[in-house]
Amino acid sequence: VNDFKSLEQVLRNHGVPQEDIGELQEALSSDPPPIDGGKFGPKVAAWISKMVYKAATGGWDIAIQAAGTLLADAISKYYGLGIV
């Protein structure tokens, strides 16, 4: 839980730029963790939306369907929600 290095490695392995990973780290430290598997905080949710948009427009080389699932699963695992 809260193992950012593991989360960072997963994201790097899927081609997420370091700048975007840094933005996620800031969002994670700013937002409260989800309660009982609820929704992500506003900054984390905005970051996920930004990354899905990048996938849809070619700014991140990953299929759009894979992007949403990858990010939600990886961030859920970071929070210890056991989705992955």
C-alpha atoms as a PDB file:
ATOM      1  CA  VAL A   1       0.000   0.000   0.000  1.00  0.00           C
ATOM      2  CA  ASN A   2       1.240   3.469  -0.937  1.00  0.00           C
ATOM      3  CA  ASP A   3       4.259   1.970  -2.722  1.00  0.00           C
ATOM      4  CA  PHE A   4       4.844   4.697  -5.274  1.00  0.00           C
ATOM      5  CA  LYS A   5       8.008   3.095  -6.652  1.00  0.00           C
ATOM      6  CA  SER A   6       6.029   0.011  -7.722  1.00  0.00           C
ATOM      7  CA  LEU A   7       3.308   2.173  -9.255  1.00  0.00           C
ATOM      8  CA  GLU A   8       5.928   4.243 -11.057  1.00  0.00           C
ATOM      9  CA  GLN A   9       7.539   1.099 -12.473  1.00  0.00           C
ATOM     10  CA  VAL A  10       4.223  -0.187 -13.830  1.00  0.00           C
ATOM     11  CA  LEU A  11       3.536   3.160 -15.479  1.00  0.00           C
ATOM     12  CA  ARG A  12       7.047   3.389 -16.949  1.00  0.00           C
ATOM     13  CA  ASN A  13       6.725  -0.151 -18.313  1.00  0.00           C
ATOM     14  CA  HIS A  14       3.631   1.035 -20.200  1.00  0.00           C
ATOM     15  CA  GLY A  15       5.279   4.136 -21.637  1.00  0.00           C
ATOM     16  CA  VAL A  16       3.935   6.831 -19.318  1.00  0.00           C
ATOM     17  CA  PRO A  17       6.300   9.827 -19.545  1.00  0.00           C
ATOM     18  CA  GLN A  18       8.205  10.774 -16.373  1.00  0.00           C
ATOM     19  CA  GLU A  19       6.584  14.221 -16.352  1.00  0.00           C
ATOM     20  CA  ASP A  20       3.128  12.621 -16.155  1.00  0.00           C
ATOM     21  CA  ILE A  21       4.282  10.244 -13.422  1.00  0.00           C
ATOM     22  CA  GLY A  22       5.456  13.258 -11.412  1.00  0.00           C
ATOM     23  CA  GLU A  23       2.063  14.901 -11.829  1.00  0.00           C
ATOM     24  CA  LEU A  24       0.382  11.733 -10.573  1.00  0.00           C
ATOM     25  CA  GLN A  25       2.658  11.646  -7.530  1.00  0.00           C
ATOM     26  CA  GLU A  26       1.569  15.206  -6.665  1.00  0.00           C
ATOM     27  CA  ALA A  27      -2.096  14.305  -7.160  1.00  0.00           C
ATOM     28  CA  LEU A  28      -1.785  11.218  -4.952  1.00  0.00           C
ATOM     29  CA  SER A  29      -0.207  13.249  -2.161  1.00  0.00           C
ATOM     30  CA  SER A  30      -2.890  15.951  -2.440  1.00  0.00           C
ATOM     31  CA  ASP A  31      -6.024  13.796  -2.600  1.00  0.00           C
ATOM     32  CA  PRO A  32      -7.391  11.684   0.222  1.00  0.00           C
ATOM     33  CA  PRO A  33      -7.435   7.942  -0.484  1.00  0.00           C
ATOM     34  CA  PRO A  34     -10.722   6.424  -1.659  1.00  0.00           C
ATOM     35  CA  ILE A  35     -12.889   5.069   1.132  1.00  0.00           C
ATOM     36  CA  ASP A  36     -14.256   1.527   0.782  1.00  0.00           C
ATOM     37  CA  GLY A  37     -13.311   1.308  -2.875  1.00  0.00           C
ATOM     38  CA  GLY A  38     -15.059   4.574  -3.684  1.00  0.00           C
ATOM     39  CA  LYS A  39     -14.079   7.092  -6.308  1.00  0.00           C
ATOM     40  CA  PHE A  40     -10.607   8.534  -6.635  1.00  0.00           C
ATOM     41  CA  GLY A  41     -10.028  12.081  -5.428  1.00  0.00           C
ATOM     42  CA  PRO A  42     -10.485  14.978  -7.849  1.00  0.00           C
ATOM     43  CA  LYS A  43      -6.806  15.461  -8.734  1.00  0.00           C
ATOM     44  CA  VAL A  44      -6.173  11.749  -9.316  1.00  0.00           C
ATOM     45  CA  ALA A  45      -9.372  11.478 -11.371  1.00  0.00           C
ATOM     46  CA  ALA A  46      -8.336  14.499 -13.458  1.00  0.00           C
ATOM     47  CA  TRP A  47      -4.914  12.932 -14.062  1.00  0.00           C
ATOM     48  CA  ILE A  48      -6.510   9.675 -15.224  1.00  0.00           C
ATOM     49  CA  SER A  49      -8.800  11.637 -17.563  1.00  0.00           C
ATOM     50  CA  LYS A  50      -5.808  13.492 -18.983  1.00  0.00           C
ATOM     51  CA  MET A  51      -3.968  10.238 -19.639  1.00  0.00           C
ATOM     52  CA  VAL A  52      -6.976   8.577 -21.291  1.00  0.00           C
ATOM     53  CA  TYR A  53      -7.279  11.669 -23.504  1.00  0.00           C
ATOM     54  CA  LYS A  54      -3.589  11.323 -24.407  1.00  0.00           C
ATOM     55  CA  ALA A  55      -4.183   7.688 -25.332  1.00  0.00           C
ATOM     56  CA  ALA A  56      -7.184   8.650 -27.476  1.00  0.00           C
ATOM     57  CA  THR A  57      -5.268  11.353 -29.337  1.00  0.00           C
ATOM     58  CA  GLY A  58      -1.999   9.507 -29.780  1.00  0.00           C
ATOM     59  CA  GLY A  59      -0.061  11.396 -27.116  1.00  0.00           C
ATOM     60  CA  TRP A  60       0.516   8.148 -25.241  1.00  0.00           C
ATOM     61  CA  ASP A  61       1.145   5.015 -27.286  1.00  0.00           C
ATOM     62  CA  ILE A  62      -1.414   2.652 -25.748  1.00  0.00           C
ATOM     63  CA  ALA A  63      -4.900   1.535 -26.761  1.00  0.00           C
ATOM     64  CA  ILE A  64      -7.558   3.716 -25.154  1.00  0.00           C
ATOM     65  CA  GLN A  65      -9.354   0.704 -23.637  1.00  0.00           C
ATOM     66  CA  ALA A  66      -6.110  -0.537 -22.110  1.00  0.00           C
ATOM     67  CA  ALA A  67      -5.220   2.920 -20.768  1.00  0.00           C
ATOM     68  CA  GLY A  68      -8.278   3.300 -18.555  1.00  0.00           C
ATOM     69  CA  THR A  69      -8.044  -0.201 -17.180  1.00  0.00           C
ATOM     70  CA  LEU A  70      -4.298  -0.041 -16.589  1.00  0.00           C
ATOM     71  CA  LEU A  71      -4.465   3.263 -14.744  1.00  0.00           C
ATOM     72  CA  ALA A  72      -7.476   2.371 -12.599  1.00  0.00           C
ATOM     73  CA  ASP A  73      -6.001  -0.998 -11.658  1.00  0.00           C
ATOM     74  CA  ALA A  74      -2.510   0.325 -10.933  1.00  0.00           C
ATOM     75  CA  ILE A  75      -3.758   3.231  -8.809  1.00  0.00           C
ATOM     76  CA  SER A  76      -6.223   0.986  -6.982  1.00  0.00           C
ATOM     77  CA  LYS A  77      -3.364  -1.357  -6.141  1.00  0.00           C
ATOM     78  CA  TYR A  78      -1.343   1.626  -4.889  1.00  0.00           C
ATOM     79  CA  TYR A  79      -4.212   2.439  -2.520  1.00  0.00           C
ATOM     80  CA  GLY A  80      -4.412  -1.211  -1.449  1.00  0.00           C
ATOM     81  CA  LEU A  81      -7.871  -1.769  -2.879  1.00  0.00           C
ATOM     82  CA  GLY A  82      -6.941  -5.197  -4.210  1.00  0.00           C
ATOM     83  CA  ILE A  83      -8.364  -4.735  -7.703  1.00  0.00           C
ATOM     84  CA  VAL A  84      -5.161  -5.939  -9.368  1.00  0.00           C
END
